Amino acid sequence: MKRSLLKSSLLSVATLFGTMTFSTTYAAEGDAFKGEAFYAVCAGCHGADGMGSEAANAPRLQGQFDWYLVRQIKNYQSGARGVHKDDTYGATMRAMAGTLANEQAILDVVAYIGTLEDK
């Protein structure tokens, strides 16, 4: 009985994940061509290819979900991240996120990041 219930539960979870779709809505709303200019600021730490830099404590952006990138940029801009007195890397990122003047600029840079590939 327990084995049948477990098998049924696993099948339900597999079916759920199999039917889920992950939207790229944000990237679709951005202009990657415009975003390339905004990304010049990001490249100093995250690299021209978006692979990140351990020395700069800058994570990889390439391959990251667009919704996650949008959320984190907004978190830095709102002060939800990067405001603790000991978070020097976060403070730097908060300043950099502040260079994106509006929602469209965020969408544009995220769209550009979505075009980055390993070189």
C-alpha atoms as a PDB file:
ATOM      1  CA  MET A   1       0.000   0.000   0.000  1.00  0.00           C
ATOM      2  CA  LYS A   2       2.763   2.503   0.944  1.00  0.00           C
ATOM      3  CA  ARG A   3       4.717   1.670  -2.217  1.00  0.00           C
ATOM      4  CA  SER A   4       1.643   2.278  -4.375  1.00  0.00           C
ATOM      5  CA  LEU A   5       0.980   5.614  -2.672  1.00  0.00           C
ATOM      6  CA  LEU A   6       4.623   6.673  -3.095  1.00  0.00           C
ATOM      7  CA  LYS A   7       4.591   5.651  -6.754  1.00  0.00           C
ATOM      8  CA  SER A   8       1.370   7.582  -7.305  1.00  0.00           C
ATOM      9  CA  SER A   9       2.774  10.663  -5.552  1.00  0.00           C
ATOM     10  CA  LEU A  10       5.985  10.576  -7.589  1.00  0.00           C
ATOM     11  CA  LEU A  11       3.977  10.217 -10.786  1.00  0.00           C
ATOM     12  CA  SER A  12       1.869  13.246  -9.812  1.00  0.00           C
ATOM     13  CA  VAL A  13       4.958  15.366  -9.120  1.00  0.00           C
ATOM     14  CA  ALA A  14       6.586  14.272 -12.388  1.00  0.00           C
ATOM     15  CA  THR A  15       3.397  15.140 -14.280  1.00  0.00           C
ATOM     16  CA  LEU A  16       3.244  18.548 -12.603  1.00  0.00           C
ATOM     17  CA  PHE A  17       6.833  19.422 -13.517  1.00  0.00           C
ATOM     18  CA  GLY A  18       6.374  18.025 -17.003  1.00  0.00           C
ATOM     19  CA  THR A  19       3.496  20.414 -17.668  1.00  0.00           C
ATOM     20  CA  MET A  20       5.157  23.507 -16.219  1.00  0.00           C
ATOM     21  CA  THR A  21       6.407  26.146 -18.568  1.00  0.00           C
ATOM     22  CA  PHE A  22       9.033  28.672 -17.703  1.00  0.00           C
ATOM     23  CA  SER A  23       8.370  32.036 -19.219  1.00  0.00           C
ATOM     24  CA  THR A  24      10.955  34.265 -20.791  1.00  0.00           C
ATOM     25  CA  THR A  25       8.510  37.149 -20.662  1.00  0.00           C
ATOM     26  CA  TYR A  26      11.052  39.648 -19.387  1.00  0.00           C
ATOM     27  CA  ALA A  27      13.629  38.931 -22.070  1.00  0.00           C
ATOM     28  CA  ALA A  28      10.909  39.086 -24.721  1.00  0.00           C
ATOM     29  CA  GLU A  29       9.967  42.574 -23.501  1.00  0.00           C
ATOM     30  CA  GLY A  30      13.524  43.886 -23.599  1.00  0.00           C
ATOM     31  CA  ASP A  31      15.661  45.152 -26.454  1.00  0.00           C
ATOM     32  CA  ALA A  32      18.978  43.279 -26.394  1.00  0.00           C
ATOM     33  CA  PHE A  33      20.586  45.815 -28.734  1.00  0.00           C
ATOM     34  CA  LYS A  34      19.902  48.664 -26.269  1.00  0.00           C
ATOM     35  CA  GLY A  35      20.774  46.385 -23.371  1.00  0.00           C
ATOM     36  CA  GLU A  36      24.277  45.855 -24.700  1.00  0.00           C
ATOM     37  CA  ALA A  37      25.126  49.491 -23.929  1.00  0.00           C
ATOM     38  CA  PHE A  38      23.768  49.144 -20.377  1.00  0.00           C
ATOM     39  CA  TYR A  39      25.727  45.925 -19.890  1.00  0.00           C
ATOM     40  CA  ALA A  40      29.045  47.751 -20.364  1.00  0.00           C
ATOM     41  CA  VAL A  41      28.783  48.796 -16.690  1.00  0.00           C
ATOM     42  CA  CYS A  42      28.078  45.190 -15.633  1.00  0.00           C
ATOM     43  CA  ALA A  43      30.939  43.719 -17.671  1.00  0.00           C
ATOM     44  CA  GLY A  44      33.540  45.326 -15.396  1.00  0.00           C
ATOM     45  CA  CYS A  45      32.731  42.771 -12.696  1.00  0.00           C
ATOM     46  CA  HIS A  46      30.619  40.078 -14.343  1.00  0.00           C
ATOM     47  CA  GLY A  47      32.796  39.826 -17.476  1.00  0.00           C
ATOM     48  CA  ALA A  48      32.059  40.542 -21.114  1.00  0.00           C
ATOM     49  CA  ASP A  49      30.642  37.027 -21.447  1.00  0.00           C
ATOM     50  CA  GLY A  50      28.651  37.169 -18.180  1.00  0.00           C
ATOM     51  CA  MET A  51      30.634  34.323 -16.631  1.00  0.00           C
ATOM     52  CA  GLY A  52      31.295  36.257 -13.437  1.00  0.00           C
ATOM     53  CA  SER A  53      34.472  36.770 -11.447  1.00  0.00           C
ATOM     54  CA  GLU A  54      35.431  35.118  -8.200  1.00  0.00           C
ATOM     55  CA  ALA A  55      37.960  37.888  -7.500  1.00  0.00           C
ATOM     56  CA  ALA A  56      35.232  40.544  -7.799  1.00  0.00           C
ATOM     57  CA  ASN A  57      32.725  38.341  -5.962  1.00  0.00           C
ATOM     58  CA  ALA A  58      30.496  38.748  -9.033  1.00  0.00           C
ATOM     59  CA  PRO A  59      28.333  35.737  -9.893  1.00  0.00           C
ATOM     60  CA  ARG A  60      27.728  34.284 -13.317  1.00  0.00           C
ATOM     61  CA  LEU A  61      24.834  35.980 -15.102  1.00  0.00           C
ATOM     62  CA  GLN A  62      24.983  33.943 -18.283  1.00  0.00           C
ATOM     63  CA  GLY A  63      22.293  31.260 -18.295  1.00  0.00           C
ATOM     64  CA  GLN A  64      20.447  32.739 -15.299  1.00  0.00           C
ATOM     65  CA  PHE A  65      16.653  33.000 -15.451  1.00  0.00           C
ATOM     66  CA  ASP A  66      15.525  36.398 -16.678  1.00  0.00           C
ATOM     67  CA  TRP A  67      12.897  36.741 -13.928  1.00  0.00           C
ATOM     68  CA  TYR A  68      15.618  36.197 -11.320  1.00  0.00           C
ATOM     69  CA  LEU A  69      17.888  38.849 -12.809  1.00  0.00           C
ATOM     70  CA  VAL A  70      15.030  41.363 -12.964  1.00  0.00           C
ATOM     71  CA  ARG A  71      14.088  40.621  -9.357  1.00  0.00           C
ATOM     72  CA  GLN A  72      17.643  41.011  -8.059  1.00  0.00           C
ATOM     73  CA  ILE A  73      18.240  44.284  -9.917  1.00  0.00           C
ATOM     74  CA  LYS A  74      15.009  45.629  -8.425  1.00  0.00           C
ATOM     75  CA  ASN A  75      16.036  44.354  -4.975  1.00  0.00           C
ATOM     76  CA  TYR A  76      19.274  46.333  -5.201  1.00  0.00           C
ATOM     77  CA  GLN A  77      17.472  49.420  -6.456  1.00  0.00           C
ATOM     78  CA  SER A  78      14.848  49.293  -3.683  1.00  0.00           C
ATOM     79  CA  GLY A  79      17.373  48.735  -0.903  1.00  0.00           C
ATOM     80  CA  ALA A  80      16.241  45.185  -0.159  1.00  0.00           C
ATOM     81  CA  ARG A  81      19.837  44.182  -0.947  1.00  0.00           C
ATOM     82  CA  GLY A  82      23.179  45.925  -0.673  1.00  0.00           C
ATOM     83  CA  VAL A  83      22.520  48.207   2.270  1.00  0.00           C
ATOM     84  CA  HIS A  84      24.157  46.361   5.163  1.00  0.00           C
ATOM     85  CA  LYS A  85      27.250  48.237   6.372  1.00  0.00           C
ATOM     86  CA  ASP A  86      29.459  45.153   5.908  1.00  0.00           C
ATOM     87  CA  ASP A  87      28.178  44.308   2.428  1.00  0.00           C
ATOM     88  CA  THR A  88      30.714  46.164   0.293  1.00  0.00           C
ATOM     89  CA  TYR A  89      30.067  44.029  -2.797  1.00  0.00           C
ATOM     90  CA  GLY A  90      26.329  44.556  -2.407  1.00  0.00           C
ATOM     91  CA  ALA A  91      26.814  48.303  -2.043  1.00  0.00           C
ATOM     92  CA  THR A  92      28.758  48.325  -5.297  1.00  0.00           C
ATOM     93  CA  MET A  93      26.038  46.321  -7.004  1.00  0.00           C
ATOM     94  CA  ARG A  94      23.391  48.641  -5.604  1.00  0.00           C
ATOM     95  CA  ALA A  95      25.178  51.605  -7.184  1.00  0.00           C
ATOM     96  CA  MET A  96      25.499  49.777 -10.501  1.00  0.00           C
ATOM     97  CA  ALA A  97      21.818  48.763 -10.478  1.00  0.00           C
ATOM     98  CA  GLY A  98      21.033  52.431  -9.915  1.00  0.00           C
ATOM     99  CA  THR A  99      22.430  53.232 -13.363  1.00  0.00           C
ATOM    100  CA  LEU A 100      19.387  51.522 -14.877  1.00  0.00           C
ATOM    101  CA  ALA A 101      16.969  54.447 -14.897  1.00  0.00           C
ATOM    102  CA  ASN A 102      13.674  52.634 -15.437  1.00  0.00           C
ATOM    103  CA  GLU A 103      11.887  49.328 -15.962  1.00  0.00           C
ATOM    104  CA  GLN A 104      12.649  49.301 -19.687  1.00  0.00           C
ATOM    105  CA  ALA A 105      16.382  49.682 -19.068  1.00  0.00           C
ATOM    106  CA  ILE A 106      16.241  46.680 -16.719  1.00  0.00           C
ATOM    107  CA  LEU A 107      14.381  44.623 -19.321  1.00  0.00           C
ATOM    108  CA  ASP A 108      16.838  45.677 -22.017  1.00  0.00           C
ATOM    109  CA  VAL A 109      19.948  44.681 -20.053  1.00  0.00           C
ATOM    110  CA  VAL A 110      18.349  41.385 -19.034  1.00  0.00           C
ATOM    111  CA  ALA A 111      17.475  40.707 -22.680  1.00  0.00           C
ATOM    112  CA  TYR A 112      21.120  41.318 -23.601  1.00  0.00           C
ATOM    113  CA  ILE A 113      22.366  39.038 -20.822  1.00  0.00           C
ATOM    114  CA  GLY A 114      20.112  36.350 -22.325  1.00  0.00           C
ATOM    115  CA  THR A 115      22.150  36.520 -25.543  1.00  0.00           C
ATOM    116  CA  LEU A 116      25.513  35.871 -23.864  1.00  0.00           C
ATOM    117  CA  GLU A 117      27.232  32.571 -24.580  1.00  0.00           C
ATOM    118  CA  ASP A 118      30.486  30.859 -23.646  1.00  0.00           C
ATOM    119  CA  LYS A 119      33.257  31.988 -25.933  1.00  0.00           C
END
